[in-house]
């Protein structure tokens, strides 16, 4: 959930994209079809106007606004909410801030309420939250006879609660009770709930969120379980099987909670696999559950020595969902510009529901230790669970001084498929999960 507090991010505008997280920025301006702005670190960046729902000013504590300025900001928020439903939750805190200003921040009670909010935002701790709420209760005792004061205090408490918990509880419950629940929305709700449950206090809010999430869970199970079977029943081919199988596995791993839900899905997957094996002629599942065509089985046998079938005591496979089969023997070249080159076919056991960035990890010995080098791949074109994976890496890119691994069978390098959630500008080696066994690439005897 994006942070919309001006104090927290020291920004003056909020860019609301059509997809993705909101951006709290400074000095935003429109130039040649792009919003150009300064990030929190002070660096300049930009985003295409076509990808943005709108830009809203973030109110600044202590600044005086005219009623026209406040109404303009609120109207812009309403307009964005109408065209971008997913932004509603992200804009709720900002909307509350503007409403607080509109409801009389120049009054004595308004200034005291704003000081409570400012105090909490300075520390963002449970202790500062309790102190701010206690002070609001004291204000309520003094000004409780004024209806407008009670309204402002109620809104301030809600604002503090939502900022501390990291979600707008009311908006969360409303989204969780949507008539048609989708897997992506449920995944987002589940992640938000996990953050909330880690916070201290607020038992009633947690209870309400848990109940709403459980209802959303039932909704997504009731929708997607029959849908997976319909996919394969409609078209009995490998592509439909893999899509249906992925849906069922995702429901089992990420959605099902109770033992009865998990048992039902486990039985469905077993039946689904049995049906697929009987209906998909020319497809073999004997190699660790990977669906292989006859020609791929022959290719695997031909290049088994350097396919991803090797285990290494130095590297653990997080989840074996990819099988790499060389299209031709991989090569380790010596001399100037030396390195490793391979042309692989990646066979996926299941496709990803959410976008993932794939890459290749090469392990070798450097400075008498195991070294791991990660190479992000261009976006893979996956069809029926297959993708061509060309790979080349020079030893210079590994900072030279590359030495092979050794065992009783000889010298070699190891190559693995890895994946991670895509993040813009992420070029480091963090966040990768190993999703295949290793390909053992022979090291030349004369090198």
Protein backbone atom coordinates (compact mmCIF):
# COMPACT_ATOMS: atom_id res chain seq x y z
CA UNK A 1 0.00 0.00 0.00
CA UNK A 2 1.46 3.36 -0.94
CA UNK A 3 2.14 5.96 1.73
CA UNK A 4 0.39 9.24 1.15
CA UNK A 5 1.56 11.17 4.18
CA UNK A 6 3.49 14.32 3.31
CA UNK A 7 5.33 14.13 6.62
CA UNK A 8 6.37 10.51 6.07
CA UNK A 9 7.73 10.90 2.54
CA UNK A 10 8.39 14.65 2.45
CA UNK A 11 6.74 14.79 -0.96
CA UNK A 12 4.26 17.26 -2.38
CA UNK A 13 2.41 15.21 -5.00
CA UNK A 14 1.11 11.66 -5.44
CA UNK A 15 1.25 10.04 -8.88
CA UNK A 16 -1.49 7.40 -9.22
CA UNK A 17 -0.60 4.89 -12.00
CA UNK A 18 -3.22 2.80 -13.78
CA UNK A 19 -1.37 -0.27 -12.51
CA UNK A 20 1.15 -0.69 -9.71
CA UNK A 21 2.07 1.28 -6.61
CA UNK A 22 1.53 5.01 -6.14
CA UNK A 23 4.55 7.30 -6.26
CA UNK A 24 5.01 10.05 -3.66
CA UNK A 25 7.20 12.59 -5.47
CA UNK A 26 8.49 16.16 -5.47
CA UNK A 27 8.41 18.79 -8.19
CA UNK A 28 6.22 16.85 -10.63
CA UNK A 29 5.60 18.42 -14.05
CA UNK A 30 4.27 17.27 -17.42
CA UNK A 31 6.76 17.39 -20.31
CA UNK A 32 6.28 15.89 -23.81
CA UNK A 33 3.82 13.23 -22.66
CA UNK A 34 5.79 12.27 -19.52
CA UNK A 35 5.45 13.21 -15.87
CA UNK A 36 8.95 14.23 -14.78
CA UNK A 37 9.64 14.29 -11.04
CA UNK A 38 12.20 14.01 -8.27
CA UNK A 39 12.22 10.84 -6.18
CA UNK A 40 12.67 10.72 -2.42
CA UNK A 41 16.43 10.31 -2.93
CA UNK A 42 16.50 13.43 -5.09
CA UNK A 43 17.07 11.64 -8.40
CA UNK A 44 15.10 12.63 -11.48
CA UNK A 45 12.70 10.11 -12.99
CA UNK A 46 9.69 9.99 -15.29
CA UNK A 47 6.58 7.99 -16.19
CA UNK A 48 4.42 8.10 -19.33
CA UNK A 49 1.23 10.18 -19.05
CA UNK A 50 -0.70 7.33 -20.73
CA UNK A 51 0.12 5.06 -17.78
CA UNK A 52 -1.13 7.48 -15.11
CA UNK A 53 -4.68 7.92 -13.77
CA UNK A 54 -3.89 11.27 -12.23
CA UNK A 55 -1.67 13.38 -9.97
CA UNK A 56 -2.95 14.67 -6.62
CA UNK A 57 -1.38 17.27 -4.33
CA UNK A 58 -0.36 16.01 -0.88
CA UNK A 59 -1.47 18.44 1.86
CA UNK A 60 1.27 19.98 3.98
CA UNK A 61 0.83 20.36 7.72
CA UNK A 62 0.62 23.98 8.82
CA UNK A 63 -0.04 25.34 5.34
CA UNK A 64 -3.14 27.46 4.78
CA UNK A 65 -5.45 26.37 1.94
CA UNK A 66 -8.45 28.10 0.39
CA UNK A 67 -11.73 26.22 0.16
CA UNK A 68 -11.32 26.22 -3.65
CA UNK A 69 -7.90 24.50 -3.35
CA UNK A 70 -9.27 21.85 -0.98
CA UNK A 71 -12.31 21.15 -3.17
CA UNK A 72 -10.10 20.91 -6.28
CA UNK A 73 -7.93 18.28 -4.60
CA UNK A 74 -10.95 16.28 -3.40
CA UNK A 75 -12.62 16.44 -6.81
CA UNK A 76 -9.46 15.11 -8.42
CA UNK A 77 -9.42 12.20 -5.97
CA UNK A 78 -13.09 11.39 -6.71
CA UNK A 79 -12.38 11.47 -10.46
CA UNK A 80 -9.46 9.06 -10.15
CA UNK A 81 -11.49 6.68 -7.96
CA UNK A 82 -14.21 6.45 -10.61
CA UNK A 83 -11.77 5.34 -13.34
CA UNK A 84 -9.28 3.40 -11.21
CA UNK A 85 -11.03 1.26 -8.59
CA UNK A 86 -7.78 -0.33 -7.40
CA UNK A 87 -6.53 3.11 -6.32
CA UNK A 88 -9.38 3.67 -3.84
CA UNK A 89 -7.57 2.16 -0.89
CA UNK A 90 -4.34 3.99 -1.66
CA UNK A 91 -6.14 7.34 -1.89
CA UNK A 92 -8.22 6.94 1.29
CA UNK A 93 -5.64 8.43 3.67
CA UNK A 94 -5.00 11.33 1.34
CA UNK A 95 -8.73 11.94 1.05
CA UNK A 96 -9.06 11.92 4.83
CA UNK A 97 -6.24 14.45 5.12
CA UNK A 98 -8.00 16.84 2.76
CA UNK A 99 -11.32 16.31 4.54
CA UNK A 100 -9.65 17.13 7.85
CA UNK A 101 -8.47 20.41 6.36
CA UNK A 102 -11.90 21.11 4.95
CA UNK A 103 -13.61 20.55 8.29
CA UNK A 104 -11.97 23.45 10.00
CA UNK A 105 -8.29 23.06 10.71
CA UNK A 106 -8.12 26.76 11.61
CA UNK A 107 -10.29 26.21 14.70
CA UNK A 108 -8.83 25.54 18.13
CA UNK A 109 -10.02 21.90 18.17
CA UNK A 110 -8.70 21.38 14.65
CA UNK A 111 -5.21 22.58 15.56
CA UNK A 112 -5.11 20.28 18.59
CA UNK A 113 -6.22 17.29 16.51
CA UNK A 114 -3.61 18.08 13.90
CA UNK A 115 -0.90 18.16 16.58
CA UNK A 116 -1.95 14.64 17.66
CA UNK A 117 -1.69 13.41 14.08
CA UNK A 118 1.68 15.11 13.60
CA UNK A 119 3.01 13.53 16.81
CA UNK A 120 2.05 10.01 15.69
CA UNK A 121 3.47 10.52 12.20
CA UNK A 122 6.77 11.64 13.68
CA UNK A 123 7.35 8.24 15.35
CA UNK A 124 4.90 5.74 13.76
CA UNK A 125 5.06 3.45 16.81
CA UNK A 126 2.39 1.75 18.90
CA UNK A 127 3.42 3.95 21.84
CA UNK A 128 2.99 7.19 19.85
CA UNK A 129 -0.34 5.86 18.56
CA UNK A 130 -1.64 5.21 22.09
CA UNK A 131 -0.51 8.64 23.27
CA UNK A 132 -2.13 10.35 20.27
CA UNK A 133 -5.44 8.51 20.83
CA UNK A 134 -5.33 9.31 24.56
CA UNK A 135 -4.86 13.00 23.73
CA UNK A 136 -7.76 12.81 21.26
CA UNK A 137 -9.95 11.38 24.05
CA UNK A 138 -8.95 14.33 26.25
CA UNK A 139 -9.95 16.70 23.43
CA UNK A 140 -13.25 14.84 23.16
CA UNK A 141 -13.96 15.45 26.87
CA UNK A 142 -13.43 19.17 26.38
CA UNK A 143 -15.20 19.64 23.04
CA UNK A 144 -17.58 16.66 23.06
CA UNK A 145 -20.64 18.88 22.99
CA UNK A 146 -19.80 20.08 19.49
CA UNK A 147 -20.94 17.77 16.70
CA UNK A 148 -18.25 19.01 14.30
CA UNK A 149 -15.55 18.33 16.91
CA UNK A 150 -16.79 14.76 17.45
CA UNK A 151 -16.73 14.17 13.69
CA UNK A 152 -13.16 15.46 13.41
CA UNK A 153 -12.00 13.33 16.36
CA UNK A 154 -13.64 10.22 14.88
CA UNK A 155 -11.97 10.84 11.52
CA UNK A 156 -8.61 11.49 13.20
CA UNK A 157 -8.80 8.21 15.13
CA UNK A 158 -9.67 6.33 11.95
CA UNK A 159 -6.79 8.02 10.12
CA UNK A 160 -4.32 7.08 12.90
CA UNK A 161 -5.61 3.51 13.02
CA UNK A 162 -5.37 3.03 9.26
CA UNK A 163 -1.91 4.58 9.03
CA UNK A 164 -0.60 2.43 11.86
CA UNK A 165 -2.13 -0.77 10.53
CA UNK A 166 -1.09 0.05 6.98
CA UNK A 167 -4.56 -0.42 5.51
CA UNK A 168 -7.95 1.21 5.33
CA UNK A 169 -9.91 -1.49 7.18
CA UNK A 170 -13.29 -0.43 5.81
CA UNK A 171 -12.03 -0.34 2.22
CA UNK A 172 -10.32 -3.72 2.75
CA UNK A 173 -13.54 -5.37 3.92
CA UNK A 174 -15.46 -3.84 1.01
CA UNK A 175 -12.90 -5.15 -1.50
CA UNK A 176 -12.86 -8.60 0.13
CA UNK A 177 -16.63 -8.85 -0.26
CA UNK A 178 -16.54 -8.20 -4.01
CA UNK A 179 -19.06 -10.36 -5.87
CA UNK A 180 -16.40 -11.86 -8.16
CA UNK A 181 -13.14 -12.56 -6.36
CA UNK A 182 -10.03 -13.10 -8.51
CA UNK A 183 -6.77 -14.80 -7.58
CA UNK A 184 -4.63 -11.65 -8.01
CA UNK A 185 -6.96 -9.62 -5.78
CA UNK A 186 -7.03 -12.38 -3.16
CA UNK A 187 -3.23 -12.58 -3.17
CA UNK A 188 -3.06 -8.83 -2.52
CA UNK A 189 -5.66 -9.10 0.27
CA UNK A 190 -3.77 -11.99 1.86
CA UNK A 191 -0.45 -10.12 1.80
CA UNK A 192 -2.08 -7.06 3.37
CA UNK A 193 -3.71 -9.21 6.03
CA UNK A 194 -0.35 -10.79 6.94
CA UNK A 195 1.11 -7.33 7.59
CA UNK A 196 -1.91 -6.34 9.70
CA UNK A 197 -1.81 -9.50 11.83
CA UNK A 198 1.83 -8.79 12.72
CA UNK A 199 0.82 -5.48 14.33
CA UNK A 200 0.00 -5.30 18.02
CA UNK A 201 -3.46 -4.46 19.31
CA UNK A 202 -6.71 -3.79 17.40
CA UNK A 203 -8.30 -7.24 17.99
CA UNK A 204 -11.69 -6.20 16.61
CA UNK A 205 -10.21 -4.90 13.36
CA UNK A 206 -8.12 -8.07 12.98
CA UNK A 207 -11.19 -10.21 13.56
CA UNK A 208 -13.16 -8.29 10.92
CA UNK A 209 -10.31 -8.53 8.40
CA UNK A 210 -9.83 -12.26 9.03
CA UNK A 211 -13.54 -12.89 8.53
CA UNK A 212 -13.55 -10.88 5.29
CA UNK A 213 -10.44 -12.72 4.02
CA UNK A 214 -11.97 -16.12 4.81
CA UNK A 215 -15.08 -15.17 2.83
CA UNK A 216 -12.87 -14.05 -0.07
CA UNK A 217 -10.99 -17.36 0.22
CA UNK A 218 -14.21 -19.34 -0.18
CA UNK A 219 -15.17 -17.17 -3.12
CA UNK A 220 -11.92 -17.68 -4.99
CA UNK A 221 -11.95 -21.45 -4.33
CA UNK A 222 -15.54 -21.80 -5.52
CA UNK A 223 -14.72 -19.85 -8.68
CA UNK A 224 -11.37 -21.32 -9.72
CA UNK A 225 -11.69 -24.99 -8.78
CA UNK A 226 -14.38 -25.74 -11.39
CA UNK A 227 -12.75 -23.28 -13.84
CA UNK A 228 -9.51 -25.34 -13.90
CA UNK A 229 -11.44 -28.47 -14.89
CA UNK A 230 -13.43 -26.58 -17.52
CA UNK A 231 -10.22 -25.32 -19.13
CA UNK A 232 -8.94 -28.82 -19.79
CA UNK A 233 -12.37 -30.25 -20.64
CA UNK A 234 -12.84 -27.56 -23.30
CA UNK A 235 -9.47 -28.16 -24.98
CA UNK A 236 -7.63 -31.34 -24.17
CA UNK A 237 -4.12 -30.16 -25.02
CA UNK A 238 -0.94 -29.59 -23.07
CA UNK A 239 -1.41 -25.82 -22.84
CA UNK A 240 -4.87 -26.17 -21.23
CA UNK A 241 -3.57 -28.88 -18.90
CA UNK A 242 -0.70 -26.71 -17.67
CA UNK A 243 -2.94 -23.68 -17.11
CA UNK A 244 -5.50 -25.77 -15.20
CA UNK A 245 -2.83 -27.60 -13.22
CA UNK A 246 -1.17 -24.31 -12.27
CA UNK A 247 -4.48 -22.89 -11.02
CA UNK A 248 -5.13 -25.92 -8.82
CA UNK A 249 -1.59 -25.94 -7.43
CA UNK A 250 -1.79 -22.20 -6.70
CA UNK A 251 -5.07 -22.73 -4.86
CA UNK A 252 -3.48 -25.50 -2.81
CA UNK A 253 -0.26 -23.59 -2.01
CA UNK A 254 -1.53 -20.04 -1.55
CA UNK A 255 -5.28 -20.07 -0.92
CA UNK A 256 -6.46 -23.22 0.89
CA UNK A 257 -6.27 -22.90 4.67
CA UNK A 258 -8.36 -25.60 6.34
CA UNK A 259 -7.54 -29.31 6.19
CA UNK A 260 -10.78 -30.01 4.32
CA UNK A 261 -9.95 -27.40 1.67
CA UNK A 262 -6.47 -28.85 1.21
CA UNK A 263 -7.70 -32.44 1.08
CA UNK A 264 -10.31 -31.54 -1.53
CA UNK A 265 -7.72 -29.80 -3.71
CA UNK A 266 -5.19 -32.62 -3.32
CA UNK A 267 -7.81 -35.10 -4.54
CA UNK A 268 -8.75 -32.80 -7.42
CA UNK A 269 -5.10 -32.52 -8.52
CA UNK A 270 -4.64 -36.29 -8.44
CA UNK A 271 -7.79 -36.78 -10.54
CA UNK A 272 -6.76 -33.95 -12.87
CA UNK A 273 -3.33 -35.52 -13.45
CA UNK A 274 -4.78 -38.99 -13.97
CA UNK A 275 -7.24 -37.67 -16.55
CA UNK A 276 -4.52 -35.69 -18.34
CA UNK A 277 -2.17 -38.67 -18.58
CA UNK A 278 -4.97 -40.72 -20.14
CA UNK A 279 -6.11 -38.03 -22.58
CA UNK A 280 -2.82 -36.43 -23.69
CA UNK A 281 -1.41 -38.81 -26.26
CA UNK A 282 2.30 -38.46 -27.00
CA UNK A 283 3.04 -36.78 -23.66
CA UNK A 284 5.14 -38.57 -21.04
CA UNK A 285 5.09 -37.64 -17.33
CA UNK A 286 7.61 -40.21 -16.11
CA UNK A 287 10.50 -37.76 -15.56
CA UNK A 288 9.64 -36.28 -12.16
CA UNK A 289 6.22 -35.13 -13.37
CA UNK A 290 7.46 -32.95 -16.25
CA UNK A 291 5.20 -33.30 -19.32
CA UNK A 292 7.57 -34.29 -22.14
CA UNK A 293 6.89 -35.03 -25.79
CA UNK A 294 8.59 -38.05 -27.32
CA UNK A 295 11.21 -35.92 -29.08
CA UNK A 296 11.99 -34.16 -25.80
CA UNK A 297 12.48 -37.49 -24.05
CA UNK A 298 14.98 -38.47 -26.75
CA UNK A 299 16.68 -35.08 -26.42
CA UNK A 300 16.91 -35.58 -22.65
CA UNK A 301 18.49 -39.00 -23.08
CA UNK A 302 20.97 -37.66 -25.64
CA UNK A 303 22.07 -34.75 -23.46
CA UNK A 304 21.32 -36.18 -20.01
CA UNK A 305 24.87 -35.58 -18.80
CA UNK A 306 24.46 -31.81 -19.15
CA UNK A 307 20.69 -31.48 -18.61
CA UNK A 308 19.36 -30.17 -15.28
CA UNK A 309 19.39 -33.52 -13.51
CA UNK A 310 22.43 -33.04 -11.27
CA UNK A 311 22.31 -32.24 -7.59
CA UNK A 312 25.11 -30.37 -5.86
CA UNK A 313 25.83 -30.29 -2.13
CA UNK A 314 26.62 -26.58 -2.36
CA UNK A 315 23.32 -25.44 -3.92
CA UNK A 316 19.78 -26.24 -2.77
CA UNK A 317 16.88 -26.18 -5.24
CA UNK A 318 14.06 -24.07 -3.79
CA UNK A 319 11.38 -25.63 -6.03
CA UNK A 320 12.01 -27.93 -8.98
CA UNK A 321 9.57 -26.50 -11.51
CA UNK A 322 11.88 -26.18 -14.54
CA UNK A 323 13.78 -28.80 -16.53
CA UNK A 324 16.62 -27.57 -18.77
CA UNK A 325 17.55 -29.71 -21.79
CA UNK A 326 20.40 -28.59 -24.11
CA UNK A 327 19.55 -28.28 -27.81
CA UNK A 328 23.24 -28.89 -28.49
CA UNK A 329 26.25 -29.56 -26.24
CA UNK A 330 27.08 -26.53 -24.02
CA UNK A 331 30.60 -25.15 -24.46
CA UNK A 332 33.20 -23.71 -22.12
CA UNK A 333 35.65 -21.71 -24.25
CA UNK A 334 39.19 -20.82 -23.18
CA UNK A 335 41.43 -17.89 -24.05
CA UNK A 336 40.67 -14.22 -24.72
CA UNK A 337 36.94 -13.64 -24.42
CA UNK A 338 36.46 -17.09 -22.97
CA UNK A 339 33.28 -18.07 -21.22
CA UNK A 340 30.29 -20.39 -21.31
CA UNK A 341 27.61 -20.69 -23.99
CA UNK A 342 24.51 -22.88 -24.10
CA UNK A 343 21.25 -23.17 -26.02
CA UNK A 344 18.62 -24.71 -23.79
CA UNK A 345 14.97 -25.70 -23.89
CA UNK A 346 13.20 -24.91 -20.62
CA UNK A 347 10.32 -27.27 -19.76
CA UNK A 348 8.05 -25.87 -17.04
CA UNK A 349 6.14 -28.16 -14.72
CA UNK A 350 3.65 -25.34 -14.19
CA UNK A 351 3.32 -21.78 -15.48
CA UNK A 352 3.33 -18.76 -13.16
CA UNK A 353 0.08 -17.00 -12.29
CA UNK A 354 2.01 -13.76 -11.68
CA UNK A 355 4.83 -12.34 -13.84
CA UNK A 356 8.29 -13.60 -12.94
CA UNK A 357 11.76 -12.67 -14.06
CA UNK A 358 13.84 -15.68 -15.07
CA UNK A 359 17.59 -15.94 -15.15
CA UNK A 360 20.56 -18.28 -15.25
CA UNK A 361 22.87 -18.88 -12.30
CA UNK A 362 26.40 -20.17 -12.91
CA UNK A 363 28.44 -21.64 -10.07
CA UNK A 364 32.20 -21.96 -10.14
CA UNK A 365 35.19 -21.60 -7.82
CA UNK A 366 36.75 -18.20 -7.16
CA UNK A 367 39.23 -17.32 -4.43
CA UNK A 368 38.95 -20.90 -3.15
CA UNK A 369 35.22 -20.50 -2.51
CA UNK A 370 32.00 -21.35 -4.31
CA UNK A 371 30.91 -18.35 -6.38
CA UNK A 372 27.42 -17.74 -7.78
CA UNK A 373 26.80 -15.44 -10.75
CA UNK A 374 23.27 -14.45 -11.80
CA UNK A 375 22.25 -13.37 -15.31
CA UNK A 376 18.71 -12.00 -15.81
CA UNK A 377 17.13 -13.27 -19.04
CA UNK A 378 15.06 -11.29 -21.55
CA UNK A 379 11.36 -12.01 -21.11
CA UNK A 380 10.82 -15.67 -21.97
CA UNK A 381 8.27 -16.53 -24.63
CA UNK A 382 6.53 -19.45 -22.93
CA UNK A 383 4.12 -21.55 -24.97
CA UNK A 384 2.61 -24.78 -23.66
CA UNK A 385 5.14 -24.65 -20.85
CA UNK A 386 8.15 -24.43 -23.17
CA UNK A 387 10.68 -21.68 -23.83
CA UNK A 388 13.94 -21.40 -25.73
CA UNK A 389 16.76 -20.19 -23.47
CA UNK A 390 19.90 -18.95 -25.23
CA UNK A 391 22.73 -18.17 -22.80
CA UNK A 392 26.23 -16.80 -23.03
CA UNK A 393 28.44 -15.34 -20.31
CA UNK A 394 32.08 -14.33 -20.50
CA UNK A 395 34.51 -15.02 -17.71
CA UNK A 396 35.21 -11.28 -17.70
CA UNK A 397 31.62 -10.75 -16.52
CA UNK A 398 32.46 -13.09 -13.63
CA UNK A 399 35.47 -10.93 -12.74
CA UNK A 400 37.86 -13.50 -14.28
CA UNK A 401 39.87 -15.93 -12.12
CA UNK A 402 37.21 -18.57 -12.77
CA UNK A 403 38.07 -22.12 -11.72
CA UNK A 404 35.98 -25.29 -12.13
CA UNK A 405 34.28 -27.41 -9.53
CA UNK A 406 35.85 -30.86 -9.13
CA UNK A 407 34.75 -34.37 -8.20
CA UNK A 408 35.70 -37.95 -9.07
CA UNK A 409 34.08 -37.56 -12.50
CA UNK A 410 36.17 -34.53 -13.48
CA UNK A 411 36.04 -30.75 -13.70
CA UNK A 412 32.85 -28.80 -14.47
CA UNK A 413 30.71 -25.70 -14.00
CA UNK A 414 27.08 -25.83 -12.88
CA UNK A 415 24.23 -23.92 -14.50
CA UNK A 416 20.78 -23.45 -12.93
CA UNK A 417 17.50 -21.74 -13.84
CA UNK A 418 16.46 -19.10 -11.29
CA UNK A 419 13.51 -16.72 -10.98
CA UNK A 420 12.30 -13.78 -8.88
CA UNK A 421 9.58 -11.17 -8.74
CA UNK A 422 10.37 -8.46 -11.31
CA UNK A 423 11.38 -5.05 -9.95
CA UNK A 424 12.26 -2.09 -12.08
CA UNK A 425 15.97 -1.34 -11.97
CA UNK A 426 16.78 -4.54 -10.05
CA UNK A 427 20.16 -5.57 -11.42
CA UNK A 428 21.69 -7.07 -8.28
CA UNK A 429 21.87 -10.73 -7.35
CA UNK A 430 19.23 -10.67 -4.60
CA UNK A 431 15.83 -12.31 -4.53
CA UNK A 432 16.57 -15.24 -6.84
CA UNK A 433 15.05 -18.68 -6.18
CA UNK A 434 16.64 -21.77 -7.72
CA UNK A 435 13.92 -23.58 -9.70
CA UNK A 436 15.86 -26.37 -11.43
CA UNK A 437 18.51 -28.92 -10.67
CA UNK A 438 21.95 -28.22 -12.07
CA UNK A 439 23.27 -28.64 -15.60
CA UNK A 440 26.77 -30.05 -15.37
CA UNK A 441 28.88 -28.30 -18.04
CA UNK A 442 32.22 -30.12 -18.66
CA UNK A 443 35.40 -28.11 -18.22
CA UNK A 444 37.87 -28.67 -21.12
CA UNK A 445 40.87 -30.82 -20.21
CA UNK A 446 43.32 -28.44 -21.90
CA UNK A 447 42.07 -25.33 -20.10
